[in-house]
């Protein structure tokens, strides 16, 4: 079974949704047969990496709301995250453009490190208040999961994996993704948003059952009356 996940590293519900899916997978008896592919999605492609701008100010500007309302909204999200063991530090989070982080994640995927890179980027932004738009930090982060620093620097300095990121974003538009996280199970069922673990578990079980059930044949009945001729173990008639 394959699960494709469109997400962004500055999307709080992407981190929450990831954890809720992981919780469901722990209860799914066939989890070793599940492959997860992370897809790129930029919530704000025009976002500027600016350590001097708070997350609350960025949200207020983007959604046209007062800063205090943006802070209240973020506090509510942080409470939801805490319920599943995630600590969100919005007060100290650093506003960043995520395009290079997505390119780095694509590179990590070629080295079999997509899952580790995705988790590290999400934790760095939401919990550790790191600048995930900064190339020096991204290099350190990549080294921390076993990637070669000189290769990472080369990727970040050029335009490598740009097409891969754009391909994911184009695919998202084609299948009608309006927001993230967005989960696609076996190119058959889609789940939008950070749904409860039970919803993910139900989807896992349904897809597994449908993909593994034996096909049932139906007897064809013609509108014309005919005699049936066939051979059995006992005779041919």
C-alpha atoms as a PDB file:
ATOM      1  CA  UNK A   1       0.000   0.000   0.000  1.00  0.00           C
ATOM      2  CA  UNK A   2       1.262   3.454  -0.861  1.00  0.00           C
ATOM      3  CA  UNK A   3       0.377   6.690   0.909  1.00  0.00           C
ATOM      4  CA  UNK A   4       1.312   9.993  -0.727  1.00  0.00           C
ATOM      5  CA  UNK A   5       1.385  13.011   1.568  1.00  0.00           C
ATOM      6  CA  UNK A   6       1.400  16.596   0.328  1.00  0.00           C
ATOM      7  CA  UNK A   7       2.630  18.916   3.063  1.00  0.00           C
ATOM      8  CA  UNK A   8       4.665  22.002   3.908  1.00  0.00           C
ATOM      9  CA  UNK A   9       7.232  22.369   6.687  1.00  0.00           C
ATOM     10  CA  UNK A  10       5.616  25.503   8.139  1.00  0.00           C
ATOM     11  CA  UNK A  11       2.138  23.976   8.210  1.00  0.00           C
ATOM     12  CA  UNK A  12       1.210  23.067  11.811  1.00  0.00           C
ATOM     13  CA  UNK A  13      -1.531  20.666  10.805  1.00  0.00           C
ATOM     14  CA  UNK A  14       0.905  18.856   8.528  1.00  0.00           C
ATOM     15  CA  UNK A  15       2.978  17.949  11.580  1.00  0.00           C
ATOM     16  CA  UNK A  16      -0.134  17.066  13.575  1.00  0.00           C
ATOM     17  CA  UNK A  17      -1.545  15.019  10.692  1.00  0.00           C
ATOM     18  CA  UNK A  18       1.737  13.172  10.283  1.00  0.00           C
ATOM     19  CA  UNK A  19       1.677  12.144  13.943  1.00  0.00           C
ATOM     20  CA  UNK A  20      -1.954  11.062  13.777  1.00  0.00           C
ATOM     21  CA  UNK A  21      -1.262   8.912  10.733  1.00  0.00           C
ATOM     22  CA  UNK A  22       1.719   7.376  12.515  1.00  0.00           C
ATOM     23  CA  UNK A  23      -0.525   6.623  15.479  1.00  0.00           C
ATOM     24  CA  UNK A  24      -2.965   4.832  13.173  1.00  0.00           C
ATOM     25  CA  UNK A  25      -0.155   2.885  11.531  1.00  0.00           C
ATOM     26  CA  UNK A  26       0.936   1.573  14.920  1.00  0.00           C
ATOM     27  CA  UNK A  27      -2.459  -0.128  15.215  1.00  0.00           C
ATOM     28  CA  UNK A  28      -2.530  -1.340  11.616  1.00  0.00           C
ATOM     29  CA  UNK A  29      -1.419  -5.014  11.484  1.00  0.00           C
ATOM     30  CA  UNK A  30       0.050  -4.694   7.986  1.00  0.00           C
ATOM     31  CA  UNK A  31       2.053  -1.500   8.562  1.00  0.00           C
ATOM     32  CA  UNK A  32       5.229  -3.131   7.258  1.00  0.00           C
ATOM     33  CA  UNK A  33       3.544  -3.241   3.848  1.00  0.00           C
ATOM     34  CA  UNK A  34       2.873   0.509   3.804  1.00  0.00           C
ATOM     35  CA  UNK A  35       5.110   2.839   1.791  1.00  0.00           C
ATOM     36  CA  UNK A  36       4.943   6.577   2.462  1.00  0.00           C
ATOM     37  CA  UNK A  37       5.990   9.168  -0.100  1.00  0.00           C
ATOM     38  CA  UNK A  38       6.253  12.816   0.916  1.00  0.00           C
ATOM     39  CA  UNK A  39       5.181  15.375  -1.677  1.00  0.00           C
ATOM     40  CA  UNK A  40       6.141  19.055  -1.845  1.00  0.00           C
ATOM     41  CA  UNK A  41       3.614  21.835  -1.323  1.00  0.00           C
ATOM     42  CA  UNK A  42       4.290  25.508  -0.572  1.00  0.00           C
ATOM     43  CA  UNK A  43       1.579  27.257   1.397  1.00  0.00           C
ATOM     44  CA  UNK A  44       3.097  30.605   0.433  1.00  0.00           C
ATOM     45  CA  UNK A  45       5.568  30.412  -2.476  1.00  0.00           C
ATOM     46  CA  UNK A  46       6.165  34.157  -2.152  1.00  0.00           C
ATOM     47  CA  UNK A  47       7.001  34.064   1.536  1.00  0.00           C
ATOM     48  CA  UNK A  48      10.169  35.865   2.571  1.00  0.00           C
ATOM     49  CA  UNK A  49      12.681  34.425   5.013  1.00  0.00           C
ATOM     50  CA  UNK A  50      12.703  37.121   7.665  1.00  0.00           C
ATOM     51  CA  UNK A  51      13.875  36.417  11.226  1.00  0.00           C
ATOM     52  CA  UNK A  52      12.628  39.872  12.247  1.00  0.00           C
ATOM     53  CA  UNK A  53       9.006  39.059  11.404  1.00  0.00           C
ATOM     54  CA  UNK A  54       7.041  36.994  13.895  1.00  0.00           C
ATOM     55  CA  UNK A  55       4.788  34.135  12.837  1.00  0.00           C
ATOM     56  CA  UNK A  56       1.839  36.067  14.228  1.00  0.00           C
ATOM     57  CA  UNK A  57       2.637  39.084  12.042  1.00  0.00           C
ATOM     58  CA  UNK A  58       2.996  36.866   8.970  1.00  0.00           C
ATOM     59  CA  UNK A  59      -0.322  35.130   9.641  1.00  0.00           C
ATOM     60  CA  UNK A  60      -2.069  38.433  10.318  1.00  0.00           C
ATOM     61  CA  UNK A  61      -0.854  39.841   7.015  1.00  0.00           C
ATOM     62  CA  UNK A  62      -1.658  36.709   5.025  1.00  0.00           C
ATOM     63  CA  UNK A  63      -5.194  36.218   6.381  1.00  0.00           C
ATOM     64  CA  UNK A  64      -6.072  39.865   6.969  1.00  0.00           C
ATOM     65  CA  UNK A  65      -6.607  39.583  10.709  1.00  0.00           C
ATOM     66  CA  UNK A  66      -5.307  41.394  13.803  1.00  0.00           C
ATOM     67  CA  UNK A  67      -2.046  40.083  15.250  1.00  0.00           C
ATOM     68  CA  UNK A  68      -3.778  39.179  18.514  1.00  0.00           C
ATOM     69  CA  UNK A  69      -6.280  37.037  16.645  1.00  0.00           C
ATOM     70  CA  UNK A  70      -3.428  35.278  14.836  1.00  0.00           C
ATOM     71  CA  UNK A  71      -1.783  34.586  18.190  1.00  0.00           C
ATOM     72  CA  UNK A  72      -4.998  33.191  19.619  1.00  0.00           C
ATOM     73  CA  UNK A  73      -5.418  30.941  16.590  1.00  0.00           C
ATOM     74  CA  UNK A  74      -1.845  29.705  16.958  1.00  0.00           C
ATOM     75  CA  UNK A  75      -2.325  29.025  20.667  1.00  0.00           C
ATOM     76  CA  UNK A  76      -5.305  26.812  19.869  1.00  0.00           C
ATOM     77  CA  UNK A  77      -3.251  24.868  17.340  1.00  0.00           C
ATOM     78  CA  UNK A  78      -0.422  24.477  19.871  1.00  0.00           C
ATOM     79  CA  UNK A  79      -2.876  22.935  22.326  1.00  0.00           C
ATOM     80  CA  UNK A  80      -3.959  20.373  19.735  1.00  0.00           C
ATOM     81  CA  UNK A  81      -0.325  19.546  19.051  1.00  0.00           C
ATOM     82  CA  UNK A  82       0.414  19.077  22.739  1.00  0.00           C
ATOM     83  CA  UNK A  83      -2.353  16.488  22.990  1.00  0.00           C
ATOM     84  CA  UNK A  84      -0.318  14.181  20.740  1.00  0.00           C
ATOM     85  CA  UNK A  85       3.056  14.968  22.276  1.00  0.00           C
ATOM     86  CA  UNK A  86       4.228  17.776  19.984  1.00  0.00           C
ATOM     87  CA  UNK A  87       5.544  21.068  21.365  1.00  0.00           C
ATOM     88  CA  UNK A  88       4.951  24.098  19.141  1.00  0.00           C
ATOM     89  CA  UNK A  89       6.869  27.264  20.028  1.00  0.00           C
ATOM     90  CA  UNK A  90       5.168  29.861  17.875  1.00  0.00           C
ATOM     91  CA  UNK A  91       6.536  32.750  19.969  1.00  0.00           C
ATOM     92  CA  UNK A  92      10.069  32.055  18.795  1.00  0.00           C
ATOM     93  CA  UNK A  93       9.417  30.446  15.389  1.00  0.00           C
ATOM     94  CA  UNK A  94      11.335  32.007  12.488  1.00  0.00           C
ATOM     95  CA  UNK A  95       9.435  32.982   9.355  1.00  0.00           C
ATOM     96  CA  UNK A  96      10.939  31.261   6.329  1.00  0.00           C
ATOM     97  CA  UNK A  97      10.419  30.409   2.682  1.00  0.00           C
ATOM     98  CA  UNK A  98      10.351  26.620   2.365  1.00  0.00           C
ATOM     99  CA  UNK A  99      11.346  26.082  -1.273  1.00  0.00           C
ATOM    100  CA  UNK A 100      14.966  25.162  -0.547  1.00  0.00           C
ATOM    101  CA  UNK A 101      13.857  22.931   2.321  1.00  0.00           C
ATOM    102  CA  UNK A 102      11.652  21.060  -0.138  1.00  0.00           C
ATOM    103  CA  UNK A 103      14.540  20.719  -2.566  1.00  0.00           C
ATOM    104  CA  UNK A 104      16.680  19.338   0.248  1.00  0.00           C
ATOM    105  CA  UNK A 105      13.953  16.854   1.148  1.00  0.00           C
ATOM    106  CA  UNK A 106      13.889  15.670  -2.465  1.00  0.00           C
ATOM    107  CA  UNK A 107      17.641  15.136  -2.348  1.00  0.00           C
ATOM    108  CA  UNK A 108      17.289  13.255   0.946  1.00  0.00           C
ATOM    109  CA  UNK A 109      14.715  11.019  -0.714  1.00  0.00           C
ATOM    110  CA  UNK A 110      17.319   9.873  -3.253  1.00  0.00           C
ATOM    111  CA  UNK A 111      19.456   8.747  -0.311  1.00  0.00           C
ATOM    112  CA  UNK A 112      16.618   6.895   1.427  1.00  0.00           C
ATOM    113  CA  UNK A 113      16.305   9.628   4.073  1.00  0.00           C
ATOM    114  CA  UNK A 114      13.007  11.302   3.159  1.00  0.00           C
ATOM    115  CA  UNK A 115      11.250  10.355   6.382  1.00  0.00           C
ATOM    116  CA  UNK A 116      14.122  11.496   8.609  1.00  0.00           C
ATOM    117  CA  UNK A 117      14.505  14.756   6.698  1.00  0.00           C
ATOM    118  CA  UNK A 118      10.798  15.562   6.852  1.00  0.00           C
ATOM    119  CA  UNK A 119      10.626  14.919  10.586  1.00  0.00           C
ATOM    120  CA  UNK A 120      13.786  16.960  11.221  1.00  0.00           C
ATOM    121  CA  UNK A 121      12.515  19.942   9.243  1.00  0.00           C
ATOM    122  CA  UNK A 122       9.143  19.962  10.976  1.00  0.00           C
ATOM    123  CA  UNK A 123      10.691  19.644  14.430  1.00  0.00           C
ATOM    124  CA  UNK A 124      13.272  22.314  13.638  1.00  0.00           C
ATOM    125  CA  UNK A 125      10.639  24.845  12.652  1.00  0.00           C
ATOM    126  CA  UNK A 126       7.897  24.192  15.179  1.00  0.00           C
ATOM    127  CA  UNK A 127       9.780  23.008  18.252  1.00  0.00           C
ATOM    128  CA  UNK A 128      13.372  24.186  17.978  1.00  0.00           C
ATOM    129  CA  UNK A 129      12.697  27.588  16.370  1.00  0.00           C
ATOM    130  CA  UNK A 130      15.376  27.134  13.710  1.00  0.00           C
ATOM    131  CA  UNK A 131      15.661  29.012  10.420  1.00  0.00           C
ATOM    132  CA  UNK A 132      14.746  26.367   7.831  1.00  0.00           C
ATOM    133  CA  UNK A 133      15.341  28.833   5.016  1.00  0.00           C
ATOM    134  CA  UNK A 134      18.997  29.269   5.951  1.00  0.00           C
ATOM    135  CA  UNK A 135      21.425  27.162   3.895  1.00  0.00           C
ATOM    136  CA  UNK A 136      23.976  26.837   6.672  1.00  0.00           C
ATOM    137  CA  UNK A 137      21.384  25.465   9.067  1.00  0.00           C
ATOM    138  CA  UNK A 138      19.918  23.155   6.421  1.00  0.00           C
ATOM    139  CA  UNK A 139      23.382  21.741   5.817  1.00  0.00           C
ATOM    140  CA  UNK A 140      23.860  21.067   9.536  1.00  0.00           C
ATOM    141  CA  UNK A 141      20.441  19.464   9.720  1.00  0.00           C
ATOM    142  CA  UNK A 142      21.199  17.207   6.768  1.00  0.00           C
ATOM    143  CA  UNK A 143      24.518  16.181   8.310  1.00  0.00           C
ATOM    144  CA  UNK A 144      22.615  15.212  11.432  1.00  0.00           C
ATOM    145  CA  UNK A 145      20.713  12.517   9.540  1.00  0.00           C
ATOM    146  CA  UNK A 146      23.784  11.179   7.781  1.00  0.00           C
ATOM    147  CA  UNK A 147      23.943  13.163   4.539  1.00  0.00           C
ATOM    148  CA  UNK A 148      27.238  14.481   3.162  1.00  0.00           C
ATOM    149  CA  UNK A 149      27.726  18.203   3.823  1.00  0.00           C
ATOM    150  CA  UNK A 150      29.545  18.945   0.574  1.00  0.00           C
ATOM    151  CA  UNK A 151      26.776  17.312  -1.475  1.00  0.00           C
ATOM    152  CA  UNK A 152      24.088  19.203   0.420  1.00  0.00           C
ATOM    153  CA  UNK A 153      25.873  22.509  -0.120  1.00  0.00           C
ATOM    154  CA  UNK A 154      26.075  21.787  -3.831  1.00  0.00           C
ATOM    155  CA  UNK A 155      22.338  21.040  -3.988  1.00  0.00           C
ATOM    156  CA  UNK A 156      21.377  24.189  -2.093  1.00  0.00           C
ATOM    157  CA  UNK A 157      23.715  26.424  -4.087  1.00  0.00           C
ATOM    158  CA  UNK A 158      22.245  25.376  -7.418  1.00  0.00           C
ATOM    159  CA  UNK A 159      18.845  24.546  -8.857  1.00  0.00           C
ATOM    160  CA  UNK A 160      18.878  20.788  -8.332  1.00  0.00           C
ATOM    161  CA  UNK A 161      15.519  19.163  -7.509  1.00  0.00           C
ATOM    162  CA  UNK A 162      13.633  22.323  -8.412  1.00  0.00           C
ATOM    163  CA  UNK A 163      11.773  20.397 -11.111  1.00  0.00           C
ATOM    164  CA  UNK A 164      10.864  17.668  -8.606  1.00  0.00           C
ATOM    165  CA  UNK A 165       9.285  20.189  -6.257  1.00  0.00           C
ATOM    166  CA  UNK A 166       7.405  21.866  -9.099  1.00  0.00           C
ATOM    167  CA  UNK A 167       6.197  18.501 -10.374  1.00  0.00           C
ATOM    168  CA  UNK A 168       4.633  17.711  -6.985  1.00  0.00           C
ATOM    169  CA  UNK A 169       2.961  21.100  -6.870  1.00  0.00           C
ATOM    170  CA  UNK A 170       1.641  20.692 -10.396  1.00  0.00           C
ATOM    171  CA  UNK A 171       0.288  17.262  -9.519  1.00  0.00           C
ATOM    172  CA  UNK A 172      -1.407  18.724  -6.455  1.00  0.00           C
ATOM    173  CA  UNK A 173      -3.235  21.252  -8.631  1.00  0.00           C
ATOM    174  CA  UNK A 174      -4.263  18.553 -11.095  1.00  0.00           C
ATOM    175  CA  UNK A 175      -5.865  16.363  -8.429  1.00  0.00           C
ATOM    176  CA  UNK A 176      -7.568  19.294  -6.749  1.00  0.00           C
ATOM    177  CA  UNK A 177      -5.531  19.797  -3.580  1.00  0.00           C
ATOM    178  CA  UNK A 178      -6.803  22.968  -1.912  1.00  0.00           C
ATOM    179  CA  UNK A 179      -4.774  22.740   1.272  1.00  0.00           C
ATOM    180  CA  UNK A 180      -2.446  20.545   3.268  1.00  0.00           C
ATOM    181  CA  UNK A 181      -1.924  18.039   4.703  1.00  0.00           C
ATOM    182  CA  UNK A 182      -3.430  15.956   1.917  1.00  0.00           C
ATOM    183  CA  UNK A 183      -3.178  12.158   1.965  1.00  0.00           C
ATOM    184  CA  UNK A 184      -3.772   9.829  -0.977  1.00  0.00           C
ATOM    185  CA  UNK A 185      -4.103   6.095  -0.361  1.00  0.00           C
ATOM    186  CA  UNK A 186      -3.174   3.869  -3.317  1.00  0.00           C
ATOM    187  CA  UNK A 187      -4.318   6.564  -5.766  1.00  0.00           C
ATOM    188  CA  UNK A 188      -7.824   5.608  -4.668  1.00  0.00           C
ATOM    189  CA  UNK A 189      -8.901   7.469  -1.540  1.00  0.00           C
ATOM    190  CA  UNK A 190      -8.006  10.989  -0.430  1.00  0.00           C
ATOM    191  CA  UNK A 191      -8.083  12.419   3.076  1.00  0.00           C
ATOM    192  CA  UNK A 192      -7.799  16.162   3.511  1.00  0.00           C
ATOM    193  CA  UNK A 193      -6.563  17.647   6.762  1.00  0.00           C
ATOM    194  CA  UNK A 194      -5.205  16.338  10.044  1.00  0.00           C
ATOM    195  CA  UNK A 195      -7.996  13.848  10.686  1.00  0.00           C
ATOM    196  CA  UNK A 196      -8.184  11.779  13.913  1.00  0.00           C
ATOM    197  CA  UNK A 197      -6.172   8.523  13.990  1.00  0.00           C
ATOM    198  CA  UNK A 198      -9.366   6.464  13.754  1.00  0.00           C
ATOM    199  CA  UNK A 199     -10.158   7.996  10.366  1.00  0.00           C
ATOM    200  CA  UNK A 200      -6.709   7.107   9.068  1.00  0.00           C
ATOM    201  CA  UNK A 201      -6.999   3.587  10.483  1.00  0.00           C
ATOM    202  CA  UNK A 202     -10.364   3.102   8.799  1.00  0.00           C
ATOM    203  CA  UNK A 203      -8.866   4.189   5.481  1.00  0.00           C
ATOM    204  CA  UNK A 204      -5.910   1.831   5.915  1.00  0.00           C
ATOM    205  CA  UNK A 205      -8.177  -1.112   6.677  1.00  0.00           C
ATOM    206  CA  UNK A 206     -10.563  -0.393   3.821  1.00  0.00           C
ATOM    207  CA  UNK A 207      -7.824  -0.031   1.218  1.00  0.00           C
ATOM    208  CA  UNK A 208      -6.093  -3.167   2.447  1.00  0.00           C
ATOM    209  CA  UNK A 209      -9.315  -5.162   2.293  1.00  0.00           C
ATOM    210  CA  UNK A 210     -10.263  -3.897  -1.155  1.00  0.00           C
ATOM    211  CA  UNK A 211      -6.813  -4.445  -2.608  1.00  0.00           C
ATOM    212  CA  UNK A 212      -6.438  -7.947  -1.192  1.00  0.00           C
ATOM    213  CA  UNK A 213      -9.895  -9.456  -1.516  1.00  0.00           C
ATOM    214  CA  UNK A 214     -10.227 -12.228  -4.066  1.00  0.00           C
ATOM    215  CA  UNK A 215     -12.230 -11.312  -7.163  1.00  0.00           C
ATOM    216  CA  UNK A 216     -15.704 -12.819  -7.188  1.00  0.00           C
ATOM    217  CA  UNK A 217     -17.076 -14.033 -10.520  1.00  0.00           C
ATOM    218  CA  UNK A 218     -20.708 -13.640 -11.419  1.00  0.00           C
ATOM    219  CA  UNK A 219     -22.487 -16.139 -13.655  1.00  0.00           C
ATOM    220  CA  UNK A 220     -23.500 -14.579 -16.949  1.00  0.00           C
ATOM    221  CA  UNK A 221     -27.158 -15.118 -17.709  1.00  0.00           C
ATOM    222  CA  UNK A 222     -28.299 -14.583 -21.268  1.00  0.00           C
ATOM    223  CA  UNK A 223     -31.771 -13.480 -22.148  1.00  0.00           C
ATOM    224  CA  UNK A 224     -31.944 -16.341 -24.629  1.00  0.00           C
ATOM    225  CA  UNK A 225     -32.841 -19.835 -23.513  1.00  0.00           C
ATOM    226  CA  UNK A 226     -30.053 -22.281 -24.326  1.00  0.00           C
ATOM    227  CA  UNK A 227     -28.983 -25.731 -23.269  1.00  0.00           C
ATOM    228  CA  UNK A 228     -25.803 -25.943 -21.250  1.00  0.00           C
ATOM    229  CA  UNK A 229     -23.135 -28.396 -22.342  1.00  0.00           C
ATOM    230  CA  UNK A 230     -20.082 -29.070 -20.210  1.00  0.00           C
ATOM    231  CA  UNK A 231     -17.873 -31.788 -18.737  1.00  0.00           C
ATOM    232  CA  UNK A 232     -17.684 -32.593 -15.062  1.00  0.00           C
ATOM    233  CA  UNK A 233     -15.770 -35.229 -13.127  1.00  0.00           C
ATOM    234  CA  UNK A 234     -18.577 -37.656 -13.748  1.00  0.00           C
ATOM    235  CA  UNK A 235     -19.456 -37.146 -17.389  1.00  0.00           C
ATOM    236  CA  UNK A 236     -19.727 -34.852 -20.406  1.00  0.00           C
ATOM    237  CA  UNK A 237     -23.273 -33.757 -21.198  1.00  0.00           C
END
